[in-house]
Amino acid sequence: VRFVLMGDGSQRESLQAEAEGVACLTFAPPVDQADLADTLAAADILLINERPSAADMSLPSKLTCYFRAGRPVIAASPADGGTATEIARSAAGVVVGPGDPAALLAAALDLKTRPEAAHEMGVLGAVYSEHHLS
């Protein structure tokens, strides 16, 4: 499993320092808006990673982009939050507990071994986005 963290978020420098020497983790610069859809569609799985306290926050805008990309989503999110609710409604991915890297890795490996299910989740996300998140 290879994780790619893309963008210049506020935690990037500290994450890069903590991840030094971790071979399965790559940091990539942000891409232009014109290239975002193709970049997301090139992934096998897309990740939403939220803090445990994120349950009361609004739905992350990247979830809509992820659904439109037609790829399955793993959400490391509070089970009672908006992200988990949208994942359940759409059937476009799986939710694992936030702050649980073992569960995150297990979900990624599970989807890798079930390519038909992963593909179906991606299709369902795109359809859900078109019908419910316009």
N, C-alpha and C. Protein backbone atom coordinates (compact mmCIF):
# COMPACT_ATOMS: atom_id res chain seq x y z
N VAL A 1 0.85 -1.18 0.00
CA VAL A 1 0.00 0.00 0.00
C VAL A 1 0.89 1.23 0.00
N ARG A 2 0.56 2.15 -0.88
CA ARG A 2 1.29 3.41 -0.95
C ARG A 2 0.31 4.54 -0.70
N PHE A 3 0.64 5.41 0.21
CA PHE A 3 -0.18 6.58 0.52
C PHE A 3 0.48 7.80 -0.09
N VAL A 4 -0.32 8.64 -0.75
CA VAL A 4 0.16 9.89 -1.32
C VAL A 4 -0.65 11.01 -0.67
N LEU A 5 0.06 11.90 0.00
CA LEU A 5 -0.58 13.07 0.59
C LEU A 5 -0.31 14.24 -0.34
N MET A 6 -1.38 14.81 -0.88
CA MET A 6 -1.23 15.85 -1.88
C MET A 6 -1.73 17.18 -1.31
N GLY A 7 -0.93 18.22 -1.49
CA GLY A 7 -1.35 19.55 -1.09
C GLY A 7 -0.34 20.19 -0.16
N ASP A 8 -0.68 21.40 0.23
CA ASP A 8 0.18 22.17 1.14
C ASP A 8 -0.59 22.58 2.38
N GLY A 9 -1.19 21.64 3.04
CA GLY A 9 -1.96 21.92 4.25
C GLY A 9 -1.07 22.42 5.38
N SER A 10 -1.71 22.91 6.41
CA SER A 10 -1.00 23.52 7.54
C SER A 10 -0.12 22.51 8.30
N GLN A 11 -0.38 21.23 8.16
CA GLN A 11 0.38 20.20 8.87
C GLN A 11 1.46 19.55 8.02
N ARG A 12 1.61 20.00 6.79
CA ARG A 12 2.51 19.30 5.87
C ARG A 12 3.93 19.19 6.40
N GLU A 13 4.52 20.29 6.86
CA GLU A 13 5.92 20.24 7.32
C GLU A 13 6.09 19.28 8.48
N SER A 14 5.19 19.32 9.45
CA SER A 14 5.34 18.43 10.60
C SER A 14 5.10 16.97 10.19
N LEU A 15 4.17 16.75 9.27
CA LEU A 15 3.94 15.38 8.79
C LEU A 15 5.15 14.85 8.03
N GLN A 16 5.76 15.70 7.21
CA GLN A 16 6.95 15.26 6.49
C GLN A 16 8.08 14.92 7.45
N ALA A 17 8.23 15.70 8.49
CA ALA A 17 9.28 15.43 9.46
C ALA A 17 9.02 14.09 10.17
N GLU A 18 7.77 13.87 10.57
CA GLU A 18 7.43 12.62 11.24
C GLU A 18 7.55 11.41 10.33
N ALA A 19 7.33 11.61 9.03
CA ALA A 19 7.31 10.50 8.08
C ALA A 19 8.66 10.24 7.41
N GLU A 20 9.68 10.94 7.84
CA GLU A 20 10.98 10.74 7.21
C GLU A 20 11.39 9.27 7.27
N GLY A 21 11.72 8.72 6.12
CA GLY A 21 12.15 7.33 6.05
C GLY A 21 11.02 6.34 5.87
N VAL A 22 9.77 6.79 5.83
CA VAL A 22 8.64 5.89 5.62
C VAL A 22 8.47 5.70 4.11
N ALA A 23 8.82 4.53 3.64
CA ALA A 23 8.88 4.28 2.20
C ALA A 23 7.51 4.25 1.52
N CYS A 24 6.46 3.93 2.26
CA CYS A 24 5.13 3.80 1.64
C CYS A 24 4.35 5.11 1.62
N LEU A 25 5.01 6.22 1.97
CA LEU A 25 4.34 7.51 2.04
C LEU A 25 5.06 8.51 1.15
N THR A 26 4.29 9.14 0.27
CA THR A 26 4.82 10.14 -0.64
C THR A 26 4.07 11.44 -0.44
N PHE A 27 4.77 12.55 -0.47
CA PHE A 27 4.15 13.87 -0.41
C PHE A 27 4.21 14.47 -1.81
N ALA A 28 3.07 14.96 -2.28
CA ALA A 28 2.99 15.55 -3.61
C ALA A 28 2.49 16.98 -3.50
N PRO A 29 2.94 17.83 -4.39
CA PRO A 29 2.47 19.21 -4.36
C PRO A 29 1.01 19.28 -4.82
N PRO A 30 0.33 20.38 -4.51
CA PRO A 30 -1.04 20.52 -5.03
C PRO A 30 -1.02 20.59 -6.56
N VAL A 31 -2.14 20.25 -7.16
CA VAL A 31 -2.27 20.34 -8.61
C VAL A 31 -3.22 21.49 -8.94
N ASP A 32 -3.12 21.98 -10.16
CA ASP A 32 -4.04 23.00 -10.63
C ASP A 32 -5.46 22.45 -10.65
N GLN A 33 -6.42 23.33 -10.47
CA GLN A 33 -7.83 22.93 -10.50
C GLN A 33 -8.17 22.18 -11.79
N ALA A 34 -7.57 22.59 -12.89
CA ALA A 34 -7.84 21.95 -14.17
C ALA A 34 -7.39 20.49 -14.19
N ASP A 35 -6.41 20.14 -13.37
CA ASP A 35 -5.88 18.78 -13.34
C ASP A 35 -6.42 17.93 -12.18
N LEU A 36 -7.22 18.54 -11.31
CA LEU A 36 -7.65 17.84 -10.10
C LEU A 36 -8.48 16.60 -10.40
N ALA A 37 -9.46 16.70 -11.28
CA ALA A 37 -10.32 15.54 -11.56
C ALA A 37 -9.50 14.36 -12.07
N ASP A 38 -8.59 14.60 -13.01
CA ASP A 38 -7.76 13.53 -13.54
C ASP A 38 -6.83 12.96 -12.47
N THR A 39 -6.31 13.82 -11.61
CA THR A 39 -5.42 13.36 -10.55
C THR A 39 -6.16 12.45 -9.58
N LEU A 40 -7.35 12.87 -9.16
CA LEU A 40 -8.15 12.05 -8.24
C LEU A 40 -8.55 10.73 -8.89
N ALA A 41 -8.92 10.77 -10.17
CA ALA A 41 -9.33 9.55 -10.87
C ALA A 41 -8.18 8.57 -11.04
N ALA A 42 -6.94 9.04 -10.94
CA ALA A 42 -5.78 8.16 -11.07
C ALA A 42 -5.52 7.34 -9.80
N ALA A 43 -6.14 7.71 -8.71
CA ALA A 43 -5.94 6.98 -7.45
C ALA A 43 -6.75 5.69 -7.45
N ASP A 44 -6.31 4.74 -6.67
CA ASP A 44 -7.08 3.52 -6.48
C ASP A 44 -8.18 3.74 -5.45
N ILE A 45 -7.84 4.47 -4.39
CA ILE A 45 -8.75 4.77 -3.29
C ILE A 45 -8.46 6.20 -2.85
N LEU A 46 -9.49 6.92 -2.44
CA LEU A 46 -9.31 8.28 -1.94
C LEU A 46 -9.62 8.30 -0.45
N LEU A 47 -8.87 9.11 0.28
CA LEU A 47 -8.97 9.13 1.74
C LEU A 47 -9.44 10.47 2.26
N ILE A 48 -10.40 10.41 3.16
CA ILE A 48 -10.79 11.56 3.99
C ILE A 48 -10.31 11.22 5.39
N ASN A 49 -9.48 12.07 5.95
CA ASN A 49 -8.93 11.81 7.28
C ASN A 49 -9.33 12.96 8.20
N GLU A 50 -10.22 12.68 9.14
CA GLU A 50 -10.72 13.71 10.04
C GLU A 50 -10.31 13.43 11.48
N ARG A 51 -10.25 14.49 12.23
CA ARG A 51 -9.98 14.35 13.66
C ARG A 51 -11.20 13.75 14.37
N PRO A 52 -10.99 13.10 15.50
CA PRO A 52 -12.14 12.55 16.23
C PRO A 52 -13.17 13.62 16.60
N SER A 53 -12.76 14.85 16.75
CA SER A 53 -13.68 15.93 17.12
C SER A 53 -14.43 16.50 15.93
N ALA A 54 -14.28 15.94 14.74
CA ALA A 54 -14.87 16.51 13.52
C ALA A 54 -16.34 16.16 13.33
N ALA A 55 -16.95 15.42 14.23
CA ALA A 55 -18.32 14.96 14.02
C ALA A 55 -19.30 16.11 13.85
N ASP A 56 -19.08 17.21 14.51
CA ASP A 56 -20.01 18.32 14.44
C ASP A 56 -19.67 19.32 13.35
N MET A 57 -18.62 19.06 12.61
CA MET A 57 -18.22 19.98 11.55
C MET A 57 -19.04 19.72 10.29
N SER A 58 -18.96 20.63 9.34
CA SER A 58 -19.68 20.45 8.09
C SER A 58 -18.99 19.40 7.23
N LEU A 59 -19.69 18.97 6.20
CA LEU A 59 -19.17 17.98 5.28
C LEU A 59 -17.96 18.54 4.53
N PRO A 60 -16.85 17.82 4.48
CA PRO A 60 -15.69 18.34 3.75
C PRO A 60 -15.98 18.42 2.26
N SER A 61 -15.64 19.55 1.66
CA SER A 61 -15.93 19.76 0.23
C SER A 61 -15.21 18.73 -0.64
N LYS A 62 -14.09 18.23 -0.18
CA LYS A 62 -13.36 17.26 -1.00
C LYS A 62 -14.15 15.97 -1.19
N LEU A 63 -15.11 15.68 -0.32
CA LEU A 63 -15.90 14.45 -0.47
C LEU A 63 -16.68 14.48 -1.79
N THR A 64 -17.24 15.62 -2.14
CA THR A 64 -17.96 15.74 -3.40
C THR A 64 -17.02 15.48 -4.57
N CYS A 65 -15.84 16.06 -4.53
CA CYS A 65 -14.84 15.83 -5.59
C CYS A 65 -14.44 14.36 -5.64
N TYR A 66 -14.30 13.75 -4.50
CA TYR A 66 -13.92 12.34 -4.44
C TYR A 66 -15.01 11.47 -5.07
N PHE A 67 -16.27 11.72 -4.71
CA PHE A 67 -17.35 10.95 -5.30
C PHE A 67 -17.36 11.11 -6.81
N ARG A 68 -17.21 12.34 -7.28
CA ARG A 68 -17.23 12.60 -8.73
C ARG A 68 -16.08 11.91 -9.45
N ALA A 69 -14.99 11.66 -8.76
CA ALA A 69 -13.83 10.99 -9.38
C ALA A 69 -14.11 9.53 -9.69
N GLY A 70 -15.16 8.96 -9.09
CA GLY A 70 -15.50 7.58 -9.37
C GLY A 70 -14.57 6.57 -8.73
N ARG A 71 -14.00 6.94 -7.60
CA ARG A 71 -13.12 6.03 -6.87
C ARG A 71 -13.71 5.77 -5.49
N PRO A 72 -13.46 4.59 -4.92
CA PRO A 72 -13.96 4.34 -3.57
C PRO A 72 -13.27 5.27 -2.56
N VAL A 73 -13.99 5.55 -1.50
CA VAL A 73 -13.49 6.46 -0.47
C VAL A 73 -13.36 5.69 0.84
N ILE A 74 -12.23 5.87 1.50
CA ILE A 74 -12.10 5.45 2.89
C ILE A 74 -12.15 6.72 3.71
N ALA A 75 -13.05 6.75 4.67
CA ALA A 75 -13.18 7.90 5.55
C ALA A 75 -12.77 7.50 6.96
N ALA A 76 -11.68 8.09 7.43
CA ALA A 76 -11.28 7.93 8.82
C ALA A 76 -11.98 9.07 9.55
N SER A 77 -13.19 8.79 9.98
CA SER A 77 -14.10 9.83 10.46
C SER A 77 -14.93 9.32 11.62
N PRO A 78 -15.41 10.25 12.46
CA PRO A 78 -16.33 9.84 13.53
C PRO A 78 -17.58 9.19 12.93
N ALA A 79 -18.03 8.10 13.50
CA ALA A 79 -19.17 7.35 12.98
C ALA A 79 -20.45 8.16 12.98
N ASP A 80 -20.55 9.16 13.84
CA ASP A 80 -21.77 9.94 13.93
C ASP A 80 -21.67 11.28 13.19
N GLY A 81 -20.66 11.44 12.38
CA GLY A 81 -20.45 12.70 11.66
C GLY A 81 -21.06 12.72 10.27
N GLY A 82 -21.01 13.89 9.66
CA GLY A 82 -21.57 14.08 8.33
C GLY A 82 -20.88 13.27 7.26
N THR A 83 -19.57 13.14 7.35
CA THR A 83 -18.84 12.37 6.35
C THR A 83 -19.27 10.91 6.38
N ALA A 84 -19.32 10.33 7.56
CA ALA A 84 -19.74 8.93 7.69
C ALA A 84 -21.17 8.74 7.20
N THR A 85 -22.01 9.71 7.48
CA THR A 85 -23.40 9.63 7.03
C THR A 85 -23.48 9.62 5.51
N GLU A 86 -22.73 10.49 4.84
CA GLU A 86 -22.75 10.53 3.38
C GLU A 86 -22.14 9.28 2.76
N ILE A 87 -21.11 8.74 3.38
CA ILE A 87 -20.53 7.48 2.89
C ILE A 87 -21.57 6.37 2.98
N ALA A 88 -22.29 6.30 4.09
CA ALA A 88 -23.32 5.27 4.25
C ALA A 88 -24.45 5.46 3.25
N ARG A 89 -24.91 6.69 3.08
CA ARG A 89 -26.01 6.96 2.13
C ARG A 89 -25.63 6.61 0.70
N SER A 90 -24.41 6.89 0.34
CA SER A 90 -23.96 6.69 -1.04
C SER A 90 -23.50 5.27 -1.32
N ALA A 91 -23.09 4.56 -0.28
CA ALA A 91 -22.46 3.24 -0.41
C ALA A 91 -21.18 3.33 -1.24
N ALA A 92 -20.51 4.49 -1.18
CA ALA A 92 -19.35 4.75 -2.01
C ALA A 92 -18.02 4.51 -1.32
N GLY A 93 -18.05 3.89 -0.16
CA GLY A 93 -16.80 3.64 0.54
C GLY A 93 -17.02 3.01 1.89
N VAL A 94 -15.99 3.11 2.70
CA VAL A 94 -16.04 2.55 4.05
C VAL A 94 -15.57 3.59 5.05
N VAL A 95 -16.05 3.45 6.26
CA VAL A 95 -15.67 4.36 7.34
C VAL A 95 -14.91 3.56 8.39
N VAL A 96 -13.79 4.11 8.81
CA VAL A 96 -13.04 3.55 9.93
C VAL A 96 -12.90 4.63 10.99
N GLY A 97 -12.59 4.23 12.19
CA GLY A 97 -12.44 5.21 13.26
C GLY A 97 -11.27 6.15 13.00
N PRO A 98 -11.45 7.42 13.34
CA PRO A 98 -10.34 8.36 13.18
C PRO A 98 -9.23 8.03 14.17
N GLY A 99 -8.00 8.23 13.74
CA GLY A 99 -6.87 7.95 14.62
C GLY A 99 -6.58 6.48 14.79
N ASP A 100 -7.03 5.65 13.87
CA ASP A 100 -6.82 4.21 13.95
C ASP A 100 -6.10 3.74 12.68
N PRO A 101 -4.77 3.90 12.63
CA PRO A 101 -4.05 3.55 11.40
C PRO A 101 -4.16 2.08 11.02
N ALA A 102 -4.29 1.19 11.99
CA ALA A 102 -4.44 -0.23 11.66
C ALA A 102 -5.74 -0.48 10.91
N ALA A 103 -6.81 0.17 11.34
CA ALA A 103 -8.10 0.02 10.66
C ALA A 103 -8.05 0.63 9.27
N LEU A 104 -7.37 1.74 9.13
CA LEU A 104 -7.22 2.38 7.82
C LEU A 104 -6.48 1.46 6.86
N LEU A 105 -5.38 0.91 7.29
CA LEU A 105 -4.63 -0.01 6.45
C LEU A 105 -5.44 -1.26 6.12
N ALA A 106 -6.16 -1.80 7.09
CA ALA A 106 -6.98 -2.98 6.85
C ALA A 106 -8.06 -2.69 5.81
N ALA A 107 -8.66 -1.51 5.87
CA ALA A 107 -9.69 -1.14 4.88
C ALA A 107 -9.08 -1.03 3.49
N ALA A 108 -7.90 -0.43 3.39
CA ALA A 108 -7.24 -0.30 2.09
C ALA A 108 -6.89 -1.67 1.52
N LEU A 109 -6.35 -2.54 2.35
CA LEU A 109 -6.00 -3.89 1.89
C LEU A 109 -7.24 -4.68 1.49
N ASP A 110 -8.34 -4.50 2.24
CA ASP A 110 -9.58 -5.19 1.91
C ASP A 110 -10.08 -4.76 0.54
N LEU A 111 -10.07 -3.46 0.27
CA LEU A 111 -10.54 -2.98 -1.03
C LEU A 111 -9.62 -3.44 -2.16
N LYS A 112 -8.34 -3.56 -1.86
CA LYS A 112 -7.39 -4.04 -2.88
C LYS A 112 -7.72 -5.49 -3.27
N THR A 113 -8.16 -6.28 -2.32
CA THR A 113 -8.47 -7.69 -2.61
C THR A 113 -9.86 -7.87 -3.20
N ARG A 114 -10.64 -6.79 -3.23
CA ARG A 114 -12.00 -6.87 -3.78
C ARG A 114 -12.20 -5.78 -4.84
N PRO A 115 -11.49 -5.91 -5.97
CA PRO A 115 -11.54 -4.85 -6.98
C PRO A 115 -12.94 -4.60 -7.54
N GLU A 116 -13.77 -5.63 -7.64
CA GLU A 116 -15.12 -5.42 -8.14
C GLU A 116 -15.93 -4.56 -7.17
N ALA A 117 -15.80 -4.83 -5.90
CA ALA A 117 -16.50 -4.04 -4.89
C ALA A 117 -15.99 -2.61 -4.87
N ALA A 118 -14.67 -2.43 -5.00
CA ALA A 118 -14.10 -1.09 -5.02
C ALA A 118 -14.61 -0.32 -6.24
N HIS A 119 -14.66 -0.98 -7.38
CA HIS A 119 -15.17 -0.34 -8.59
C HIS A 119 -16.64 0.08 -8.40
N GLU A 120 -17.43 -0.82 -7.85
CA GLU A 120 -18.85 -0.53 -7.62
C GLU A 120 -19.02 0.66 -6.68
N MET A 121 -18.21 0.74 -5.64
CA MET A 121 -18.27 1.89 -4.73
C MET A 121 -17.98 3.19 -5.49
N GLY A 122 -16.98 3.15 -6.36
CA GLY A 122 -16.65 4.33 -7.15
C GLY A 122 -17.81 4.75 -8.03
N VAL A 123 -18.44 3.80 -8.69
CA VAL A 123 -19.59 4.10 -9.55
C VAL A 123 -20.72 4.68 -8.70
N LEU A 124 -21.00 4.07 -7.56
CA LEU A 124 -22.08 4.56 -6.70
C LEU A 124 -21.81 5.98 -6.21
N GLY A 125 -20.55 6.29 -5.92
CA GLY A 125 -20.21 7.64 -5.49
C GLY A 125 -20.47 8.66 -6.57
N ALA A 126 -20.10 8.34 -7.80
CA ALA A 126 -20.33 9.26 -8.92
C ALA A 126 -21.82 9.48 -9.15
N VAL A 127 -22.59 8.41 -9.10
CA VAL A 127 -24.04 8.53 -9.28
C VAL A 127 -24.66 9.33 -8.14
N TYR A 128 -24.25 9.05 -6.92
CA TYR A 128 -24.77 9.76 -5.76
C TYR A 128 -24.45 11.25 -5.86
N SER A 129 -23.25 11.57 -6.23
CA SER A 129 -22.85 12.96 -6.37
C SER A 129 -23.72 13.67 -7.39
N GLU A 130 -23.94 13.02 -8.51
CA GLU A 130 -24.73 13.63 -9.58
C GLU A 130 -26.17 13.89 -9.13
N HIS A 131 -26.74 12.97 -8.38
CA HIS A 131 -28.14 13.08 -8.00
C HIS A 131 -28.41 13.83 -6.71
N HIS A 132 -27.42 13.86 -5.81
CA HIS A 132 -27.69 14.40 -4.48
C HIS A 132 -26.78 15.55 -4.04
N LEU A 133 -25.67 15.76 -4.71
CA LEU A 133 -24.71 16.76 -4.25
C LEU A 133 -24.44 17.84 -5.29
N SER A 134 -25.43 18.15 -6.10
CA SER A 134 -25.22 19.16 -7.13
C SER A 134 -25.20 20.56 -6.54
